Amino acid sequence: MSNLNLFNQPPLFYGSDYDPELDRKRLSGQMLRVFEYMRNEKWMTLYEISSSINEPESSVSAQMRNLRKDRNGNHTIEKQRHGQSGTWEYKLIVNHSSNGYTP
């Protein structure tokens, strides 16, 4: 499994409710699981990702946003409608030249 880092540091998380002692390991693990599952660059819904890695859809969505940030790799997450429904599907495009998350 890959290491999630930024300049040899763990991913950075922020927020008024964020407690590094309680949250860093959990959130880093979530981000890693989302990245590893999506790195095949195939289209998938939040539900598919969530149920496959056993994480809530809201957490998957948050970690996809985190993967877009410079400090976490500046990866591209594309999105498109899934058929005619209101469901969206997502595809990770890995930024191989990033100083952030290095697969």
PDB file of N, CA and C in Angstrom:
ATOM      1  N   MET A   1       0.852  -1.183   0.000  1.00  0.00           N
ATOM      2  CA  MET A   1       0.000   0.000   0.000  1.00  0.00           C
ATOM      3  C   MET A   1       0.895   1.242   0.000  1.00  0.00           C
ATOM      4  N   SER A   2       0.426   2.295  -0.599  1.00  0.00           N
ATOM      5  CA  SER A   2       1.210   3.516  -0.739  1.00  0.00           C
ATOM      6  C   SER A   2       1.246   4.317   0.556  1.00  0.00           C
ATOM      7  N   ASN A   3       2.218   5.213   0.638  1.00  0.00           N
ATOM      8  CA  ASN A   3       2.279   6.151   1.752  1.00  0.00           C
ATOM      9  C   ASN A   3       1.619   7.444   1.347  1.00  0.00           C
ATOM     10  N   LEU A   4       0.855   8.002   2.224  1.00  0.00           N
ATOM     11  CA  LEU A   4       0.206   9.274   1.994  1.00  0.00           C
ATOM     12  C   LEU A   4       1.056  10.326   2.673  1.00  0.00           C
ATOM     13  N   ASN A   5       1.642  11.244   1.882  1.00  0.00           N
ATOM     14  CA  ASN A   5       2.486  12.234   2.514  1.00  0.00           C
ATOM     15  C   ASN A   5       2.576  13.503   1.689  1.00  0.00           C
ATOM     16  N   LEU A   6       3.069  14.525   2.286  1.00  0.00           N
ATOM     17  CA  LEU A   6       3.362  15.789   1.631  1.00  0.00           C
ATOM     18  C   LEU A   6       4.738  16.201   2.108  1.00  0.00           C
ATOM     19  N   PHE A   7       5.690  16.190   1.205  1.00  0.00           N
ATOM     20  CA  PHE A   7       7.072  16.487   1.578  1.00  0.00           C
ATOM     21  C   PHE A   7       7.482  15.665   2.804  1.00  0.00           C
ATOM     22  N   ASN A   8       7.189  14.361   2.748  1.00  0.00           N
ATOM     23  CA  ASN A   8       7.509  13.408   3.816  1.00  0.00           C
ATOM     24  C   ASN A   8       6.783  13.715   5.126  1.00  0.00           C
ATOM     25  N   GLN A   9       5.657  14.374   5.031  1.00  0.00           N
ATOM     26  CA  GLN A   9       4.817  14.668   6.195  1.00  0.00           C
ATOM     27  C   GLN A   9       3.450  14.031   5.978  1.00  0.00           C
ATOM     28  N   PRO A  10       2.728  13.725   7.046  1.00  0.00           N
ATOM     29  CA  PRO A  10       1.373  13.210   6.884  1.00  0.00           C
ATOM     30  C   PRO A  10       0.463  14.271   6.275  1.00  0.00           C
ATOM     31  N   PRO A  11      -0.667  13.867   5.699  1.00  0.00           N
ATOM     32  CA  PRO A  11      -1.603  14.848   5.144  1.00  0.00           C
ATOM     33  C   PRO A  11      -2.022  15.852   6.212  1.00  0.00           C
ATOM     34  N   LEU A  12      -2.362  17.043   5.760  1.00  0.00           N
ATOM     35  CA  LEU A  12      -2.775  18.098   6.679  1.00  0.00           C
ATOM     36  C   LEU A  12      -4.287  18.229   6.669  1.00  0.00           C
ATOM     37  N   PHE A  13      -4.859  18.307   7.843  1.00  0.00           N
ATOM     38  CA  PHE A  13      -6.296  18.496   7.998  1.00  0.00           C
ATOM     39  C   PHE A  13      -6.513  19.710   8.890  1.00  0.00           C
ATOM     40  N   TYR A  14      -7.617  20.396   8.669  1.00  0.00           N
ATOM     41  CA  TYR A  14      -7.926  21.600   9.423  1.00  0.00           C
ATOM     42  C   TYR A  14      -9.398  21.585   9.825  1.00  0.00           C
ATOM     43  N   GLY A  15      -9.772  22.522  10.648  1.00  0.00           N
ATOM     44  CA  GLY A  15     -11.161  22.708  11.032  1.00  0.00           C
ATOM     45  C   GLY A  15     -11.278  22.942  12.514  1.00  0.00           C
ATOM     46  N   SER A  16     -12.334  23.613  12.888  1.00  0.00           N
ATOM     47  CA  SER A  16     -12.519  23.954  14.296  1.00  0.00           C
ATOM     48  C   SER A  16     -12.726  22.719  15.168  1.00  0.00           C
ATOM     49  N   ASP A  17     -13.255  21.640  14.599  1.00  0.00           N
ATOM     50  CA  ASP A  17     -13.504  20.428  15.370  1.00  0.00           C
ATOM     51  C   ASP A  17     -12.390  19.399  15.234  1.00  0.00           C
ATOM     52  N   TYR A  18     -11.384  19.705  14.421  1.00  0.00           N
ATOM     53  CA  TYR A  18     -10.294  18.756  14.172  1.00  0.00           C
ATOM     54  C   TYR A  18      -9.359  18.681  15.371  1.00  0.00           C
ATOM     55  N   ASP A  19      -9.120  17.469  15.850  1.00  0.00           N
ATOM     56  CA  ASP A  19      -8.185  17.218  16.941  1.00  0.00           C
ATOM     57  C   ASP A  19      -7.154  16.229  16.412  1.00  0.00           C
ATOM     58  N   PRO A  20      -5.919  16.679  16.175  1.00  0.00           N
ATOM     59  CA  PRO A  20      -4.911  15.789  15.594  1.00  0.00           C
ATOM     60  C   PRO A  20      -4.728  14.477  16.356  1.00  0.00           C
ATOM     61  N   GLU A  21      -4.792  14.542  17.672  1.00  0.00           N
ATOM     62  CA  GLU A  21      -4.616  13.328  18.477  1.00  0.00           C
ATOM     63  C   GLU A  21      -5.704  12.296  18.185  1.00  0.00           C
ATOM     64  N   LEU A  22      -6.922  12.765  17.964  1.00  0.00           N
ATOM     65  CA  LEU A  22      -8.054  11.866  17.756  1.00  0.00           C
ATOM     66  C   LEU A  22      -8.328  11.572  16.287  1.00  0.00           C
ATOM     67  N   ASP A  23      -8.012  12.503  15.395  1.00  0.00           N
ATOM     68  CA  ASP A  23      -8.500  12.422  14.023  1.00  0.00           C
ATOM     69  C   ASP A  23      -7.456  12.143  12.941  1.00  0.00           C
ATOM     70  N   ARG A  24      -6.193  12.482  13.163  1.00  0.00           N
ATOM     71  CA  ARG A  24      -5.196  12.390  12.074  1.00  0.00           C
ATOM     72  C   ARG A  24      -5.100  10.973  11.491  1.00  0.00           C
ATOM     73  N   LYS A  25      -4.940   9.985  12.330  1.00  0.00           N
ATOM     74  CA  LYS A  25      -4.777   8.606  11.846  1.00  0.00           C
ATOM     75  C   LYS A  25      -6.018   8.132  11.089  1.00  0.00           C
ATOM     76  N   ARG A  26      -7.192   8.413  11.634  1.00  0.00           N
ATOM     77  CA  ARG A  26      -8.448   7.990  11.006  1.00  0.00           C
ATOM     78  C   ARG A  26      -8.627   8.659   9.652  1.00  0.00           C
ATOM     79  N   LEU A  27      -8.437   9.988   9.600  1.00  0.00           N
ATOM     80  CA  LEU A  27      -8.646  10.714   8.348  1.00  0.00           C
ATOM     81  C   LEU A  27      -7.588  10.369   7.307  1.00  0.00           C
ATOM     82  N   SER A  28      -6.357  10.179   7.739  1.00  0.00           N
ATOM     83  CA  SER A  28      -5.301   9.769   6.809  1.00  0.00           C
ATOM     84  C   SER A  28      -5.610   8.398   6.220  1.00  0.00           C
ATOM     85  N   GLY A  29      -6.093   7.495   7.057  1.00  0.00           N
ATOM     86  CA  GLY A  29      -6.477   6.160   6.590  1.00  0.00           C
ATOM     87  C   GLY A  29      -7.625   6.211   5.600  1.00  0.00           C
ATOM     88  N   GLN A  30      -8.620   7.054   5.885  1.00  0.00           N
ATOM     89  CA  GLN A  30      -9.733   7.213   4.950  1.00  0.00           C
ATOM     90  C   GLN A  30      -9.240   7.716   3.600  1.00  0.00           C
ATOM     91  N   MET A  31      -8.392   8.753   3.628  1.00  0.00           N
ATOM     92  CA  MET A  31      -7.905   9.320   2.381  1.00  0.00           C
ATOM     93  C   MET A  31      -7.122   8.276   1.591  1.00  0.00           C
ATOM     94  N   LEU A  32      -6.314   7.512   2.270  1.00  0.00           N
ATOM     95  CA  LEU A  32      -5.540   6.470   1.606  1.00  0.00           C
ATOM     96  C   LEU A  32      -6.455   5.422   0.973  1.00  0.00           C
ATOM     97  N   ARG A  33      -7.488   4.987   1.703  1.00  0.00           N
ATOM     98  CA  ARG A  33      -8.409   3.980   1.160  1.00  0.00           C
ATOM     99  C   ARG A  33      -9.159   4.513  -0.053  1.00  0.00           C
ATOM    100  N   VAL A  34      -9.597   5.772   0.004  1.00  0.00           N
ATOM    101  CA  VAL A  34     -10.281   6.383  -1.147  1.00  0.00           C
ATOM    102  C   VAL A  34      -9.324   6.430  -2.335  1.00  0.00           C
ATOM    103  N   PHE A  35      -8.096   6.903  -2.114  1.00  0.00           N
ATOM    104  CA  PHE A  35      -7.120   6.996  -3.196  1.00  0.00           C
ATOM    105  C   PHE A  35      -6.836   5.628  -3.802  1.00  0.00           C
ATOM    106  N   GLU A  36      -6.533   4.665  -2.966  1.00  0.00           N
ATOM    107  CA  GLU A  36      -6.184   3.329  -3.464  1.00  0.00           C
ATOM    108  C   GLU A  36      -7.340   2.706  -4.249  1.00  0.00           C
ATOM    109  N   TYR A  37      -8.560   2.902  -3.775  1.00  0.00           N
ATOM    110  CA  TYR A  37      -9.704   2.314  -4.462  1.00  0.00           C
ATOM    111  C   TYR A  37      -9.975   3.003  -5.799  1.00  0.00           C
ATOM    112  N   MET A  38      -9.770   4.313  -5.841  1.00  0.00           N
ATOM    113  CA  MET A  38     -10.091   5.077  -7.050  1.00  0.00           C
ATOM    114  C   MET A  38      -8.939   5.164  -8.042  1.00  0.00           C
ATOM    115  N   ARG A  39      -7.768   4.752  -7.695  1.00  0.00           N
ATOM    116  CA  ARG A  39      -6.610   4.961  -8.554  1.00  0.00           C
ATOM    117  C   ARG A  39      -6.667   4.205  -9.875  1.00  0.00           C
ATOM    118  N   ASN A  40      -7.644   3.317 -10.051  1.00  0.00           N
ATOM    119  CA  ASN A  40      -7.802   2.607 -11.323  1.00  0.00           C
ATOM    120  C   ASN A  40      -8.386   3.499 -12.423  1.00  0.00           C
ATOM    121  N   GLU A  41      -8.762   4.715 -12.069  1.00  0.00           N
ATOM    122  CA  GLU A  41      -9.274   5.718 -13.001  1.00  0.00           C
ATOM    123  C   GLU A  41     -10.528   5.259 -13.740  1.00  0.00           C
ATOM    124  N   LYS A  42     -11.393   4.520 -13.040  1.00  0.00           N
ATOM    125  CA  LYS A  42     -12.686   4.108 -13.587  1.00  0.00           C
ATOM    126  C   LYS A  42     -13.781   4.947 -12.944  1.00  0.00           C
ATOM    127  N   TRP A  43     -14.886   5.125 -13.660  1.00  0.00           N
ATOM    128  CA  TRP A  43     -16.025   5.868 -13.133  1.00  0.00           C
ATOM    129  C   TRP A  43     -16.721   5.039 -12.069  1.00  0.00           C
ATOM    130  N   MET A  44     -17.092   5.679 -10.937  1.00  0.00           N
ATOM    131  CA  MET A  44     -17.828   4.992  -9.880  1.00  0.00           C
ATOM    132  C   MET A  44     -18.624   6.005  -9.061  1.00  0.00           C
ATOM    133  N   THR A  45     -19.716   5.550  -8.490  1.00  0.00           N
ATOM    134  CA  THR A  45     -20.562   6.413  -7.673  1.00  0.00           C
ATOM    135  C   THR A  45     -20.026   6.468  -6.243  1.00  0.00           C
ATOM    136  N   LEU A  46     -20.497   7.460  -5.492  1.00  0.00           N
ATOM    137  CA  LEU A  46     -20.129   7.536  -4.070  1.00  0.00           C
ATOM    138  C   LEU A  46     -20.537   6.258  -3.339  1.00  0.00           C
ATOM    139  N   TYR A  47     -21.716   5.752  -3.680  1.00  0.00           N
ATOM    140  CA  TYR A  47     -22.192   4.535  -3.035  1.00  0.00           C
ATOM    141  C   TYR A  47     -21.242   3.371  -3.300  1.00  0.00           C
ATOM    142  N   GLU A  48     -20.794   3.223  -4.545  1.00  0.00           N
ATOM    143  CA  GLU A  48     -19.881   2.129  -4.889  1.00  0.00           C
ATOM    144  C   GLU A  48     -18.573   2.239  -4.109  1.00  0.00           C
ATOM    145  N   ILE A  49     -18.043   3.435  -4.039  1.00  0.00           N
ATOM    146  CA  ILE A  49     -16.790   3.640  -3.301  1.00  0.00           C
ATOM    147  C   ILE A  49     -17.012   3.374  -1.816  1.00  0.00           C
ATOM    148  N   SER A  50     -18.056   4.000  -1.278  1.00  0.00           N
ATOM    149  CA  SER A  50     -18.370   3.897   0.141  1.00  0.00           C
ATOM    150  C   SER A  50     -18.570   2.451   0.581  1.00  0.00           C
ATOM    151  N   SER A  51     -19.370   1.708  -0.163  1.00  0.00           N
ATOM    152  CA  SER A  51     -19.657   0.332   0.231  1.00  0.00           C
ATOM    153  C   SER A  51     -18.438  -0.570   0.041  1.00  0.00           C
ATOM    154  N   SER A  52     -17.570  -0.245  -0.898  1.00  0.00           N
ATOM    155  CA  SER A  52     -16.389  -1.074  -1.150  1.00  0.00           C
ATOM    156  C   SER A  52     -15.303  -0.879  -0.096  1.00  0.00           C
ATOM    157  N   ILE A  53     -15.178   0.331   0.428  1.00  0.00           N
ATOM    158  CA  ILE A  53     -14.126   0.583   1.426  1.00  0.00           C
ATOM    159  C   ILE A  53     -14.684   0.715   2.843  1.00  0.00           C
ATOM    160  N   ASN A  54     -15.999   0.541   2.968  1.00  0.00           N
ATOM    161  CA  ASN A  54     -16.672   0.565   4.274  1.00  0.00           C
ATOM    162  C   ASN A  54     -16.475   1.888   5.019  1.00  0.00           C
ATOM    163  N   GLU A  55     -16.690   2.972   4.289  1.00  0.00           N
ATOM    164  CA  GLU A  55     -16.639   4.321   4.865  1.00  0.00           C
ATOM    165  C   GLU A  55     -17.905   5.058   4.452  1.00  0.00           C
ATOM    166  N   PRO A  56     -18.416   5.986   5.269  1.00  0.00           N
ATOM    167  CA  PRO A  56     -19.628   6.735   4.916  1.00  0.00           C
ATOM    168  C   PRO A  56     -19.427   7.557   3.638  1.00  0.00           C
ATOM    169  N   GLU A  57     -20.507   7.711   2.866  1.00  0.00           N
ATOM    170  CA  GLU A  57     -20.445   8.503   1.632  1.00  0.00           C
ATOM    171  C   GLU A  57     -19.949   9.922   1.905  1.00  0.00           C
ATOM    172  N   SER A  58     -20.379  10.522   3.010  1.00  0.00           N
ATOM    173  CA  SER A  58     -19.944  11.884   3.319  1.00  0.00           C
ATOM    174  C   SER A  58     -18.429  11.941   3.545  1.00  0.00           C
ATOM    175  N   SER A  59     -17.868  10.915   4.142  1.00  0.00           N
ATOM    176  CA  SER A  59     -16.417  10.863   4.353  1.00  0.00           C
ATOM    177  C   SER A  59     -15.680  10.672   3.039  1.00  0.00           C
ATOM    178  N   VAL A  60     -16.212   9.821   2.166  1.00  0.00           N
ATOM    179  CA  VAL A  60     -15.605   9.618   0.845  1.00  0.00           C
ATOM    180  C   VAL A  60     -15.593  10.928   0.082  1.00  0.00           C
ATOM    181  N   SER A  61     -16.710  11.634   0.100  1.00  0.00           N
ATOM    182  CA  SER A  61     -16.803  12.920  -0.586  1.00  0.00           C
ATOM    183  C   SER A  61     -15.790  13.921  -0.030  1.00  0.00           C
ATOM    184  N   ALA A  62     -15.662  13.975   1.279  1.00  0.00           N
ATOM    185  CA  ALA A  62     -14.716  14.890   1.915  1.00  0.00           C
ATOM    186  C   ALA A  62     -13.277  14.528   1.539  1.00  0.00           C
ATOM    187  N   GLN A  63     -12.962  13.246   1.496  1.00  0.00           N
ATOM    188  CA  GLN A  63     -11.602  12.838   1.160  1.00  0.00           C
ATOM    189  C   GLN A  63     -11.296  13.073  -0.322  1.00  0.00           C
ATOM    190  N   MET A  64     -12.306  12.984  -1.177  1.00  0.00           N
ATOM    191  CA  MET A  64     -12.083  13.343  -2.580  1.00  0.00           C
ATOM    192  C   MET A  64     -11.745  14.824  -2.683  1.00  0.00           C
ATOM    193  N   ARG A  65     -12.427  15.669  -1.913  1.00  0.00           N
ATOM    194  CA  ARG A  65     -12.093  17.102  -1.896  1.00  0.00           C
ATOM    195  C   ARG A  65     -10.668  17.310  -1.390  1.00  0.00           C
ATOM    196  N   ASN A  66     -10.282  16.563  -0.350  1.00  0.00           N
ATOM    197  CA  ASN A  66      -8.934  16.684   0.179  1.00  0.00           C
ATOM    198  C   ASN A  66      -7.878  16.279  -0.848  1.00  0.00           C
ATOM    199  N   LEU A  67      -8.148  15.242  -1.633  1.00  0.00           N
ATOM    200  CA  LEU A  67      -7.189  14.799  -2.644  1.00  0.00           C
ATOM    201  C   LEU A  67      -6.988  15.839  -3.742  1.00  0.00           C
ATOM    202  N   ARG A  68      -7.937  16.730  -3.919  1.00  0.00           N
ATOM    203  CA  ARG A  68      -7.817  17.803  -4.918  1.00  0.00           C
ATOM    204  C   ARG A  68      -6.879  18.925  -4.448  1.00  0.00           C
ATOM    205  N   LYS A  69      -6.651  19.023  -3.156  1.00  0.00           N
ATOM    206  CA  LYS A  69      -5.869  20.135  -2.602  1.00  0.00           C
ATOM    207  C   LYS A  69      -4.388  19.948  -2.883  1.00  0.00           C
ATOM    208  N   ASP A  70      -3.698  21.076  -3.079  1.00  0.00           N
ATOM    209  CA  ASP A  70      -2.258  21.049  -3.362  1.00  0.00           C
ATOM    210  C   ASP A  70      -1.496  20.235  -2.334  1.00  0.00           C
ATOM    211  N   ARG A  71      -1.798  20.443  -1.067  1.00  0.00           N
ATOM    212  CA  ARG A  71      -1.033  19.794   0.000  1.00  0.00           C
ATOM    213  C   ARG A  71      -1.227  18.281   0.034  1.00  0.00           C
ATOM    214  N   ASN A  72      -2.266  17.778  -0.672  1.00  0.00           N
ATOM    215  CA  ASN A  72      -2.544  16.340  -0.684  1.00  0.00           C
ATOM    216  C   ASN A  72      -2.442  15.750  -2.087  1.00  0.00           C
ATOM    217  N   GLY A  73      -1.737  16.419  -2.967  1.00  0.00           N
ATOM    218  CA  GLY A  73      -1.452  15.835  -4.266  1.00  0.00           C
ATOM    219  C   GLY A  73      -1.971  16.573  -5.470  1.00  0.00           C
ATOM    220  N   ASN A  74      -2.954  17.470  -5.283  1.00  0.00           N
ATOM    221  CA  ASN A  74      -3.514  18.220  -6.403  1.00  0.00           C
ATOM    222  C   ASN A  74      -3.998  17.288  -7.513  1.00  0.00           C
ATOM    223  N   HIS A  75      -4.660  16.208  -7.116  1.00  0.00           N
ATOM    224  CA  HIS A  75      -5.195  15.245  -8.070  1.00  0.00           C
ATOM    225  C   HIS A  75      -6.499  15.784  -8.667  1.00  0.00           C
ATOM    226  N   THR A  76      -6.861  15.259  -9.808  1.00  0.00           N
ATOM    227  CA  THR A  76      -8.108  15.655 -10.458  1.00  0.00           C
ATOM    228  C   THR A  76      -9.173  14.620 -10.146  1.00  0.00           C
ATOM    229  N   ILE A  77     -10.341  15.096  -9.742  1.00  0.00           N
ATOM    230  CA  ILE A  77     -11.503  14.226  -9.577  1.00  0.00           C
ATOM    231  C   ILE A  77     -12.537  14.714 -10.592  1.00  0.00           C
ATOM    232  N   GLU A  78     -12.764  13.918 -11.624  1.00  0.00           N
ATOM    233  CA  GLU A  78     -13.771  14.274 -12.622  1.00  0.00           C
ATOM    234  C   GLU A  78     -15.119  13.757 -12.154  1.00  0.00           C
ATOM    235  N   LYS A  79     -16.175  14.404 -12.637  1.00  0.00           N
ATOM    236  CA  LYS A  79     -17.521  13.970 -12.242  1.00  0.00           C
ATOM    237  C   LYS A  79     -18.434  14.055 -13.450  1.00  0.00           C
ATOM    238  N   GLN A  80     -19.391  13.125 -13.506  1.00  0.00           N
ATOM    239  CA  GLN A  80     -20.398  13.104 -14.566  1.00  0.00           C
ATOM    240  C   GLN A  80     -21.659  12.453 -14.022  1.00  0.00           C
ATOM    241  N   ARG A  81     -22.769  12.773 -14.676  1.00  0.00           N
ATOM    242  CA  ARG A  81     -24.037  12.137 -14.287  1.00  0.00           C
ATOM    243  C   ARG A  81     -24.017  10.663 -14.649  1.00  0.00           C
ATOM    244  N   HIS A  82     -24.611   9.880 -13.777  1.00  0.00           N
ATOM    245  CA  HIS A  82     -24.740   8.441 -14.003  1.00  0.00           C
ATOM    246  C   HIS A  82     -26.078   8.207 -14.696  1.00  0.00           C
ATOM    247  N   GLY A  83     -26.044   8.055 -16.008  1.00  0.00           N
ATOM    248  CA  GLY A  83     -27.273   7.870 -16.773  1.00  0.00           C
ATOM    249  C   GLY A  83     -28.177   9.083 -16.671  1.00  0.00           C
ATOM    250  N   GLN A  84     -29.474   8.847 -16.577  1.00  0.00           N
ATOM    251  CA  GLN A  84     -30.465   9.920 -16.503  1.00  0.00           C
ATOM    252  C   GLN A  84     -30.863  10.251 -15.065  1.00  0.00           C
ATOM    253  N   SER A  85     -30.214   9.611 -14.111  1.00  0.00           N
ATOM    254  CA  SER A  85     -30.577   9.812 -12.707  1.00  0.00           C
ATOM    255  C   SER A  85     -29.899  11.057 -12.147  1.00  0.00           C
ATOM    256  N   GLY A  86     -30.183  11.358 -10.911  1.00  0.00           N
ATOM    257  CA  GLY A  86     -29.530  12.466 -10.224  1.00  0.00           C
ATOM    258  C   GLY A  86     -28.263  12.022  -9.522  1.00  0.00           C
ATOM    259  N   THR A  87     -27.855  10.792  -9.780  1.00  0.00           N
ATOM    260  CA  THR A  87     -26.644  10.249  -9.173  1.00  0.00           C
ATOM    261  C   THR A  87     -25.423  10.656  -9.991  1.00  0.00           C
ATOM    262  N   TRP A  88     -24.341  10.963  -9.301  1.00  0.00           N
ATOM    263  CA  TRP A  88     -23.092  11.335  -9.960  1.00  0.00           C
ATOM    264  C   TRP A  88     -22.096  10.210  -9.806  1.00  0.00           C
ATOM    265  N   GLU A  89     -21.196  10.132 -10.773  1.00  0.00           N
ATOM    266  CA  GLU A  89     -20.081   9.208 -10.643  1.00  0.00           C
ATOM    267  C   GLU A  89     -18.786   9.985 -10.812  1.00  0.00           C
ATOM    268  N   TYR A  90     -17.737   9.434 -10.236  1.00  0.00           N
ATOM    269  CA  TYR A  90     -16.471  10.148 -10.095  1.00  0.00           C
ATOM    270  C   TYR A  90     -15.314   9.297 -10.607  1.00  0.00           C
ATOM    271  N   LYS A  91     -14.266   9.976 -11.061  1.00  0.00           N
ATOM    272  CA  LYS A  91     -13.067   9.296 -11.528  1.00  0.00           C
ATOM    273  C   LYS A  91     -11.857  10.099 -11.076  1.00  0.00           C
ATOM    274  N   LEU A  92     -10.917   9.422 -10.435  1.00  0.00           N
ATOM    275  CA  LEU A  92      -9.680  10.041  -9.990  1.00  0.00           C
ATOM    276  C   LEU A  92      -8.656   9.980 -11.116  1.00  0.00           C
ATOM    277  N   ILE A  93      -8.062  11.115 -11.420  1.00  0.00           N
ATOM    278  CA  ILE A  93      -6.922  11.184 -12.331  1.00  0.00           C
ATOM    279  C   ILE A  93      -5.715  11.535 -11.464  1.00  0.00           C
ATOM    280  N   VAL A  94      -4.801  10.586 -11.320  1.00  0.00           N
ATOM    281  CA  VAL A  94      -3.657  10.756 -10.434  1.00  0.00           C
ATOM    282  C   VAL A  94      -2.682  11.779 -11.018  1.00  0.00           C
ATOM    283  N   ASN A  95      -2.250  12.690 -10.180  1.00  0.00           N
ATOM    284  CA  ASN A  95      -1.231  13.674 -10.535  1.00  0.00           C
ATOM    285  C   ASN A  95       0.124  13.056 -10.193  1.00  0.00           C
ATOM    286  N   HIS A  96       0.762  12.436 -11.174  1.00  0.00           N
ATOM    287  CA  HIS A  96       2.030  11.745 -10.937  1.00  0.00           C
ATOM    288  C   HIS A  96       3.189  12.704 -10.699  1.00  0.00           C
ATOM    289  N   SER A  97       3.022  13.976 -11.046  1.00  0.00           N
ATOM    290  CA  SER A  97       4.110  14.940 -10.846  1.00  0.00           C
ATOM    291  C   SER A  97       3.975  15.703  -9.537  1.00  0.00           C
ATOM    292  N   SER A  98       3.032  15.296  -8.716  1.00  0.00           N
ATOM    293  CA  SER A  98       2.743  15.984  -7.467  1.00  0.00           C
ATOM    294  C   SER A  98       3.830  15.784  -6.421  1.00  0.00           C
ATOM    295  N   ASN A  99       3.999  16.789  -5.565  1.00  0.00           N
ATOM    296  CA  ASN A  99       4.839  16.649  -4.378  1.00  0.00           C
ATOM    297  C   ASN A  99       4.029  16.150  -3.191  1.00  0.00           C
ATOM    298  N   GLY A 100       2.738  15.949  -3.392  1.00  0.00           N
ATOM    299  CA  GLY A 100       1.867  15.473  -2.329  1.00  0.00           C
ATOM    300  C   GLY A 100       1.821  13.965  -2.325  1.00  0.00           C
ATOM    301  N   TYR A 101       0.663  13.418  -2.406  1.00  0.00           N
ATOM    302  CA  TYR A 101       0.476  11.975  -2.364  1.00  0.00           C
ATOM    303  C   TYR A 101       1.209  11.339  -3.524  1.00  0.00           C
ATOM    304  N   THR A 102       2.169  10.487  -3.260  1.00  0.00           N
ATOM    305  CA  THR A 102       2.959   9.844  -4.298  1.00  0.00           C
ATOM    306  C   THR A 102       2.630   8.357  -4.320  1.00  0.00           C
ATOM    307  N   PRO A 103       1.965   7.905  -5.388  1.00  0.00           N
ATOM    308  CA  PRO A 103       1.607   6.475  -5.450  1.00  0.00           C
ATOM    309  C   PRO A 103       2.831   5.585  -5.576  1.00  0.00           C
TER     310      PRO A 103
END
